[in-house]
């Protein structure tokens, strides 16, 4: 399979670079979708366009009846101005494929082509999920709500996705059974008091020190109220208050994220934020408005399917190129919506560029990130091998 995937590399690189030059964010990706459709136009596959987004479900029917397996590749980009220096850098100013979704899409298209050549070996169907809106737009959920899992006429019995990462050597695959990535929510806290002159703070109701106390109070409460073996992370990344050095503002706002692997921890983190915010605000005679934005569920790899994928990966790539991260990631992924309904696995595909040290080169979401395109050989091969092994 690796040899055949290597033969596809030149075409896959060409597609990846076309996608990289024209990144599009969110749920509606007209240029990206048209590019993918053009790439698949000569193949005998079923094309299913979605209505609420640029979601694309492609079906490859096997030679004989059997189960359906779902393979996912996300297509959207980030609102980042590229500074990679690549000669095929983004031409859409202010947007960039900084998370490797261009590689994911190109690899999945390569797998469609490779598996189409092996249709006679498939006992079942392959559902290729080309997904928009992974970066915070709930693209997977939109596709599921439109009936993605019924596209072939039967619910998939397995699901698999790859995500490139410069934390690992190029061409290696790393994943865990169980929690792989965290649930991710957002929080906004607005404190309202009374503004005044900086020289007379006793005549004002200052929200700034209260905001600072909330940050520290929440951090301390997490260490005392959350089981260390069911970890959770609250990070306040933005504090906005005032515009002048000598004016006490009447309002302060905190923005942050909440990450956890279990529903119980997720709920406790929400509760901590509400309790600390309301009580600190009351102590300062302020009012506090706390608002949560529910994000993605935790990405949980199915134990049995993960054993299956690990076996296929070892046979396809070799024992030395298949690893297990020492701990889950606190990052989030909306492939979790699929894994909530279908037993499956999401794995990291190492793509650290030549000469770089994994974990020390610019990584995902950096405006300077560069991925090794050679890693796509392993990705195409593994997508294809997992599908063939599942439908045999």
Protein backbone atom coordinates (compact mmCIF):
# COMPACT_ATOMS: atom_id res chain seq x y z
CA UNK A 1 0.00 0.00 0.00
CA UNK A 2 2.88 2.36 0.73
CA UNK A 3 4.26 1.86 -2.78
CA UNK A 4 0.95 2.74 -4.37
CA UNK A 5 0.53 5.73 -2.05
CA UNK A 6 4.01 6.94 -3.01
CA UNK A 7 2.96 6.76 -6.67
CA UNK A 8 0.06 9.10 -5.82
CA UNK A 9 2.25 11.63 -4.04
CA UNK A 10 3.00 13.99 -6.92
CA UNK A 11 -0.69 14.40 -7.73
CA UNK A 12 -1.52 14.75 -4.04
CA UNK A 13 1.10 17.47 -3.55
CA UNK A 14 -0.29 19.40 -6.52
CA UNK A 15 -3.78 19.27 -5.00
CA UNK A 16 -2.51 20.20 -1.54
CA UNK A 17 -0.71 23.27 -2.87
CA UNK A 18 -3.76 24.42 -4.82
CA UNK A 19 -5.78 24.19 -1.62
CA UNK A 20 -3.07 25.94 0.38
CA UNK A 21 -3.03 28.92 -1.97
CA UNK A 22 -6.77 29.45 -1.56
CA UNK A 23 -7.68 28.89 2.10
CA UNK A 24 -11.29 29.44 3.16
CA UNK A 25 -12.63 29.54 6.72
CA UNK A 26 -15.92 28.38 8.16
CA UNK A 27 -18.77 26.35 6.74
CA UNK A 28 -18.92 27.69 3.19
CA UNK A 29 -15.85 26.91 1.09
CA UNK A 30 -16.83 27.34 -2.58
CA UNK A 31 -13.31 27.36 -4.05
CA UNK A 32 -12.16 24.43 -1.92
CA UNK A 33 -15.24 22.38 -2.73
CA UNK A 34 -14.90 23.05 -6.46
CA UNK A 35 -11.24 22.01 -6.34
CA UNK A 36 -12.04 18.72 -4.62
CA UNK A 37 -14.89 17.96 -7.02
CA UNK A 38 -12.57 18.61 -9.96
CA UNK A 39 -10.01 16.23 -8.48
CA UNK A 40 -12.59 13.43 -8.14
CA UNK A 41 -14.41 14.05 -11.42
CA UNK A 42 -12.86 11.11 -13.31
CA UNK A 43 -13.64 8.52 -10.62
CA UNK A 44 -16.70 6.25 -10.48
CA UNK A 45 -17.96 7.46 -7.12
CA UNK A 46 -21.23 8.88 -5.80
CA UNK A 47 -21.17 12.60 -5.02
CA UNK A 48 -23.48 13.93 -2.31
CA UNK A 49 -23.45 17.69 -1.71
CA UNK A 50 -24.77 19.06 1.55
CA UNK A 51 -27.09 22.06 1.72
CA UNK A 52 -26.32 23.76 5.04
CA UNK A 53 -22.58 23.83 4.38
CA UNK A 54 -19.90 22.92 1.85
CA UNK A 55 -19.93 19.41 3.26
CA UNK A 56 -19.23 16.70 0.69
CA UNK A 57 -20.02 13.01 1.19
CA UNK A 58 -18.42 10.72 -1.39
CA UNK A 59 -19.36 7.05 -1.61
CA UNK A 60 -17.22 4.31 -3.13
CA UNK A 61 -19.26 1.14 -3.54
CA UNK A 62 -17.38 -2.12 -3.10
CA UNK A 63 -17.61 -5.10 -5.42
CA UNK A 64 -19.60 -7.04 -2.83
CA UNK A 65 -22.02 -6.13 -0.03
CA UNK A 66 -20.60 -5.47 3.41
CA UNK A 67 -20.21 -2.82 6.11
CA UNK A 68 -19.62 0.90 5.62
CA UNK A 69 -16.55 2.65 6.96
CA UNK A 70 -16.30 6.45 7.26
CA UNK A 71 -13.04 8.29 6.52
CA UNK A 72 -12.87 11.99 7.40
CA UNK A 73 -10.80 14.90 6.09
CA UNK A 74 -11.51 18.50 7.14
CA UNK A 75 -11.17 21.31 4.60
CA UNK A 76 -11.38 24.70 6.36
CA UNK A 77 -8.64 27.21 7.16
CA UNK A 78 -7.90 29.69 9.95
CA UNK A 79 -8.06 33.52 10.15
CA UNK A 80 -4.26 33.84 10.24
CA UNK A 81 -1.94 35.86 8.00
CA UNK A 82 0.67 33.46 6.64
CA UNK A 83 4.38 34.04 7.26
CA UNK A 84 5.73 30.62 6.25
CA UNK A 85 7.74 31.87 3.27
CA UNK A 86 6.47 29.02 1.09
CA UNK A 87 6.33 29.73 -2.62
CA UNK A 88 2.74 28.47 -2.62
CA UNK A 89 1.67 30.56 0.38
CA UNK A 90 -1.87 31.80 0.84
CA UNK A 91 -3.21 34.23 -1.73
CA UNK A 92 -6.29 34.91 0.40
CA UNK A 93 -4.95 37.66 2.67
CA UNK A 94 -5.70 37.08 6.34
CA UNK A 95 -6.38 33.36 6.01
CA UNK A 96 -4.09 30.35 6.09
CA UNK A 97 -4.12 26.56 6.21
CA UNK A 98 -2.18 26.71 9.48
CA UNK A 99 -3.60 23.48 10.90
CA UNK A 100 -2.87 21.16 7.99
CA UNK A 101 -6.42 20.72 6.74
CA UNK A 102 -5.13 21.13 3.19
CA UNK A 103 -3.03 18.01 3.74
CA UNK A 104 -6.03 16.18 5.25
CA UNK A 105 -8.19 16.97 2.23
CA UNK A 106 -5.49 16.05 -0.27
CA UNK A 107 -4.74 12.76 1.54
CA UNK A 108 -8.41 11.83 1.62
CA UNK A 109 -8.76 12.56 -2.09
CA UNK A 110 -5.68 10.41 -2.67
CA UNK A 111 -7.29 7.60 -0.69
CA UNK A 112 -10.45 7.86 -2.85
CA UNK A 113 -8.32 7.36 -5.95
CA UNK A 114 -6.26 4.53 -4.47
CA UNK A 115 -9.27 2.66 -3.11
CA UNK A 116 -11.17 3.10 -6.38
CA UNK A 117 -8.37 1.10 -7.99
CA UNK A 118 -9.02 -1.67 -5.43
CA UNK A 119 -12.82 -1.66 -5.65
CA UNK A 120 -12.80 -5.41 -6.39
CA UNK A 121 -11.28 -6.04 -2.94
CA UNK A 122 -13.93 -4.09 -1.05
CA UNK A 123 -16.78 -6.02 0.56
CA UNK A 124 -18.76 -3.02 1.62
CA UNK A 125 -18.73 0.73 1.05
CA UNK A 126 -16.41 3.59 1.92
CA UNK A 127 -17.95 6.93 2.95
CA UNK A 128 -15.49 9.79 2.50
CA UNK A 129 -16.42 12.78 4.67
CA UNK A 130 -14.98 16.02 3.27
CA UNK A 131 -15.88 18.37 6.10
CA UNK A 132 -15.93 22.17 6.41
CA UNK A 133 -16.06 24.18 9.60
CA UNK A 134 -13.89 22.13 11.94
CA UNK A 135 -12.24 25.24 13.40
CA UNK A 136 -15.03 26.19 15.76
CA UNK A 137 -17.96 26.10 13.31
CA UNK A 138 -19.39 22.65 14.18
CA UNK A 139 -19.00 21.38 10.63
CA UNK A 140 -19.22 17.71 11.60
CA UNK A 141 -22.44 18.31 13.52
CA UNK A 142 -24.01 20.05 10.53
CA UNK A 143 -23.11 17.12 8.27
CA UNK A 144 -24.50 14.61 10.76
CA UNK A 145 -27.74 16.59 11.07
CA UNK A 146 -28.12 16.39 7.28
CA UNK A 147 -28.01 12.60 7.44
CA UNK A 148 -24.35 11.89 6.73
CA UNK A 149 -24.45 8.51 8.44
CA UNK A 150 -27.32 7.34 6.21
CA UNK A 151 -25.58 8.28 2.95
CA UNK A 152 -24.72 4.71 1.91
CA UNK A 153 -28.00 3.23 3.08
CA UNK A 154 -26.53 1.82 6.28
CA UNK A 155 -24.87 3.35 9.33
CA UNK A 156 -21.07 3.08 9.29
CA UNK A 157 -19.64 0.48 11.64
CA UNK A 158 -16.29 2.24 11.87
CA UNK A 159 -14.83 5.74 11.48
CA UNK A 160 -11.26 6.93 11.05
CA UNK A 161 -9.56 10.33 10.77
CA UNK A 162 -5.99 11.61 10.66
CA UNK A 163 -4.66 14.95 11.85
CA UNK A 164 -1.15 16.12 10.95
CA UNK A 165 1.09 17.36 13.75
CA UNK A 166 4.68 18.59 14.02
CA UNK A 167 4.91 17.09 17.50
CA UNK A 168 5.83 13.76 15.87
CA UNK A 169 8.38 12.60 13.27
CA UNK A 170 7.17 12.67 9.71
CA UNK A 171 5.25 9.61 8.59
CA UNK A 172 4.66 8.24 12.07
CA UNK A 173 1.15 7.65 13.47
CA UNK A 174 0.35 8.29 17.14
CA UNK A 175 -2.91 7.73 18.98
CA UNK A 176 -4.45 6.45 22.20
CA UNK A 177 -7.38 4.28 23.07
CA UNK A 178 -9.98 6.22 25.08
CA UNK A 179 -9.64 10.00 25.53
CA UNK A 180 -7.57 11.50 22.70
CA UNK A 181 -8.64 15.14 22.88
CA UNK A 182 -10.64 17.26 25.32
CA UNK A 183 -14.10 18.78 25.32
CA UNK A 184 -13.81 22.51 24.70
CA UNK A 185 -16.16 25.27 25.88
CA UNK A 186 -15.88 29.05 25.98
CA UNK A 187 -16.70 31.44 28.82
CA UNK A 188 -17.33 35.18 28.97
CA UNK A 189 -17.56 37.05 32.29
CA UNK A 190 -18.73 40.66 32.36
CA UNK A 191 -18.22 42.63 35.58
CA UNK A 192 -20.14 45.88 35.99
CA UNK A 193 -19.36 48.49 38.64
CA UNK A 194 -19.01 52.28 38.73
CA UNK A 195 -16.27 54.22 37.02
CA UNK A 196 -14.32 57.06 38.52
CA UNK A 197 -11.04 58.91 38.93
CA UNK A 198 -7.95 56.83 39.61
CA UNK A 199 -7.06 59.18 42.47
CA UNK A 200 -10.30 58.40 44.32
CA UNK A 201 -10.90 54.64 44.00
CA UNK A 202 -13.08 54.63 47.14
CA UNK A 203 -15.69 56.63 45.26
CA UNK A 204 -15.86 54.08 42.44
CA UNK A 205 -16.70 50.40 42.20
CA UNK A 206 -13.59 49.14 40.43
CA UNK A 207 -14.06 45.93 38.35
CA UNK A 208 -10.35 45.53 37.55
CA UNK A 209 -9.06 44.06 40.86
CA UNK A 210 -12.20 41.93 41.01
CA UNK A 211 -11.38 40.51 37.58
CA UNK A 212 -7.87 39.68 38.79
CA UNK A 213 -9.29 37.96 41.88
CA UNK A 214 -11.65 35.91 39.75
CA UNK A 215 -8.77 34.68 37.61
CA UNK A 216 -6.71 33.64 40.62
CA UNK A 217 -9.74 32.33 42.50
CA UNK A 218 -10.80 30.10 39.64
CA UNK A 219 -7.27 28.74 39.19
CA UNK A 220 -7.05 27.90 42.89
CA UNK A 221 -10.53 26.38 43.00
CA UNK A 222 -9.69 24.03 40.14
CA UNK A 223 -6.82 22.55 42.16
CA UNK A 224 -9.12 22.02 45.17
CA UNK A 225 -12.40 20.97 43.58
CA UNK A 226 -11.36 18.87 40.56
CA UNK A 227 -10.02 15.32 40.86
CA UNK A 228 -6.45 15.37 39.62
CA UNK A 229 -7.11 12.07 37.81
CA UNK A 230 -10.02 13.64 35.90
CA UNK A 231 -8.17 16.76 34.74
CA UNK A 232 -9.65 20.05 33.67
CA UNK A 233 -8.12 23.28 32.46
CA UNK A 234 -9.57 26.80 32.58
CA UNK A 235 -7.55 29.45 30.75
CA UNK A 236 -8.45 33.13 30.70
CA UNK A 237 -6.76 34.48 27.60
CA UNK A 238 -8.30 37.96 27.44
CA UNK A 239 -8.97 40.69 30.00
CA UNK A 240 -10.48 43.92 28.70
CA UNK A 241 -11.02 46.95 30.93
CA UNK A 242 -10.59 50.68 30.44
CA UNK A 243 -8.75 52.86 27.97
CA UNK A 244 -6.79 55.36 30.11
CA UNK A 245 -4.16 55.22 32.85
CA UNK A 246 -6.08 57.48 35.22
CA UNK A 247 -9.70 56.41 34.67
CA UNK A 248 -11.32 53.57 36.57
CA UNK A 249 -13.62 51.81 34.09
CA UNK A 250 -17.17 50.84 34.92
CA UNK A 251 -16.82 47.43 33.28
CA UNK A 252 -14.31 44.61 32.82
CA UNK A 253 -14.63 41.53 30.65
CA UNK A 254 -12.87 38.16 30.83
CA UNK A 255 -12.75 35.65 27.99
CA UNK A 256 -11.52 32.10 28.38
CA UNK A 257 -11.78 28.43 27.51
CA UNK A 258 -12.73 25.33 29.50
CA UNK A 259 -11.29 21.91 28.69
CA UNK A 260 -12.01 18.50 30.19
CA UNK A 261 -12.26 14.81 29.29
CA UNK A 262 -15.34 13.84 31.32
CA UNK A 263 -18.83 15.31 31.52
CA UNK A 264 -18.60 15.46 35.33
CA UNK A 265 -15.40 17.52 35.25
CA UNK A 266 -16.81 19.72 32.51
CA UNK A 267 -19.87 20.47 34.66
CA UNK A 268 -17.76 21.13 37.76
CA UNK A 269 -15.58 23.62 35.89
CA UNK A 270 -18.68 25.53 34.82
CA UNK A 271 -19.90 25.51 38.43
CA UNK A 272 -16.57 26.78 39.75
CA UNK A 273 -16.61 29.74 37.37
CA UNK A 274 -20.16 30.69 38.35
CA UNK A 275 -19.50 30.43 42.09
CA UNK A 276 -16.23 32.33 42.12
CA UNK A 277 -17.46 35.04 39.76
CA UNK A 278 -20.70 35.75 41.61
CA UNK A 279 -19.12 35.74 45.07
CA UNK A 280 -16.08 37.86 44.18
CA UNK A 281 -18.37 40.32 42.40
CA UNK A 282 -20.64 40.51 45.45
CA UNK A 283 -17.65 41.19 47.71
CA UNK A 284 -16.80 44.21 45.55
CA UNK A 285 -20.44 45.35 45.18
CA UNK A 286 -20.32 44.54 41.47
CA UNK A 287 -22.60 42.49 39.26
CA UNK A 288 -21.29 39.55 37.25
CA UNK A 289 -22.80 38.10 34.09
CA UNK A 290 -21.37 34.68 33.18
CA UNK A 291 -22.05 33.22 29.73
CA UNK A 292 -20.91 29.87 28.38
CA UNK A 293 -20.52 28.76 24.80
CA UNK A 294 -20.84 24.99 24.53
CA UNK A 295 -18.11 23.64 22.29
CA UNK A 296 -17.03 20.22 21.09
CA UNK A 297 -17.37 17.02 23.14
CA UNK A 298 -14.29 15.08 24.15
CA UNK A 299 -12.75 12.99 21.38
CA UNK A 300 -12.88 9.42 22.67
CA UNK A 301 -11.25 6.68 20.60
CA UNK A 302 -13.15 3.40 20.73
CA UNK A 303 -11.01 0.73 22.47
CA UNK A 304 -11.71 -2.15 20.08
CA UNK A 305 -11.49 -0.04 16.94
CA UNK A 306 -8.23 1.47 18.18
CA UNK A 307 -6.76 -2.02 18.59
CA UNK A 308 -7.83 -2.74 15.01
CA UNK A 309 -6.29 0.49 13.66
CA UNK A 310 -3.05 -0.10 15.56
CA UNK A 311 -2.75 -3.57 14.01
CA UNK A 312 -3.39 -2.22 10.51
CA UNK A 313 -0.96 0.67 11.05
CA UNK A 314 1.81 -1.68 12.16
CA UNK A 315 1.29 -3.89 9.14
CA UNK A 316 1.15 -0.91 6.78
CA UNK A 317 3.81 1.43 8.17
CA UNK A 318 5.93 -0.83 10.36
CA UNK A 319 6.09 -1.32 14.13
CA UNK A 320 8.57 1.52 14.69
CA UNK A 321 6.29 4.10 13.03
CA UNK A 322 3.27 3.57 15.29
CA UNK A 323 3.29 5.21 18.72
CA UNK A 324 1.11 6.11 21.67
CA UNK A 325 1.13 9.63 23.17
CA UNK A 326 1.92 9.54 26.91
CA UNK A 327 -1.19 11.59 27.65
CA UNK A 328 -4.25 12.98 25.84
CA UNK A 329 -4.30 16.45 24.31
CA UNK A 330 -6.26 19.35 25.79
CA UNK A 331 -6.98 20.51 22.23
CA UNK A 332 -10.45 19.92 20.80
CA UNK A 333 -11.79 18.28 17.63
CA UNK A 334 -15.27 18.08 16.16
CA UNK A 335 -14.64 14.56 14.85
CA UNK A 336 -15.84 13.88 18.39
CA UNK A 337 -19.42 14.29 17.12
CA UNK A 338 -18.85 11.37 14.73
CA UNK A 339 -17.18 9.25 17.41
CA UNK A 340 -20.20 9.80 19.68
CA UNK A 341 -22.26 7.85 17.14
CA UNK A 342 -19.81 5.51 15.42
CA UNK A 343 -17.02 3.41 16.95
CA UNK A 344 -13.83 4.87 15.58
CA UNK A 345 -10.42 6.41 16.06
CA UNK A 346 -8.67 9.69 15.36
CA UNK A 347 -4.88 9.55 15.05
CA UNK A 348 -2.08 12.09 14.73
CA UNK A 349 0.11 11.84 11.64
CA UNK A 350 3.60 13.19 12.22
CA UNK A 351 4.58 15.79 9.62
CA UNK A 352 7.63 17.50 11.13
CA UNK A 353 9.59 19.04 8.23
CA UNK A 354 13.05 17.72 7.26
CA UNK A 355 15.80 19.04 9.51
CA UNK A 356 13.35 20.04 12.23
CA UNK A 357 12.96 18.62 15.71
CA UNK A 358 9.45 17.42 16.58
CA UNK A 359 7.85 19.77 19.07
CA UNK A 360 10.42 22.50 18.51
CA UNK A 361 9.42 23.72 15.05
CA UNK A 362 6.37 25.96 14.51
CA UNK A 363 3.29 23.87 15.14
CA UNK A 364 -0.39 23.83 14.32
CA UNK A 365 -2.04 27.29 14.29
CA UNK A 366 1.30 29.06 13.88
CA UNK A 367 1.54 31.50 10.97
CA UNK A 368 4.99 30.03 10.26
CA UNK A 369 4.07 26.34 10.30
CA UNK A 370 5.45 24.10 7.54
CA UNK A 371 4.45 20.44 7.18
CA UNK A 372 6.41 17.69 5.43
CA UNK A 373 4.41 16.74 2.35
CA UNK A 374 6.12 13.35 2.24
CA UNK A 375 4.05 12.42 5.31
CA UNK A 376 0.99 12.27 3.07
CA UNK A 377 2.24 8.94 1.70
CA UNK A 378 1.70 7.35 5.11
CA UNK A 379 -1.67 9.08 5.42
CA UNK A 380 -3.00 7.87 2.06
CA UNK A 381 -1.71 4.36 2.73
CA UNK A 382 -3.23 4.16 6.20
CA UNK A 383 -6.62 5.57 5.16
CA UNK A 384 -6.73 2.97 2.39
CA UNK A 385 -5.45 0.06 4.46
CA UNK A 386 -7.95 0.71 7.28
CA UNK A 387 -10.82 0.78 4.77
CA UNK A 388 -9.70 -2.41 3.02
CA UNK A 389 -9.22 -4.25 6.32
CA UNK A 390 -12.64 -3.16 7.58
CA UNK A 391 -14.45 -4.13 4.38
CA UNK A 392 -13.03 -7.55 3.60
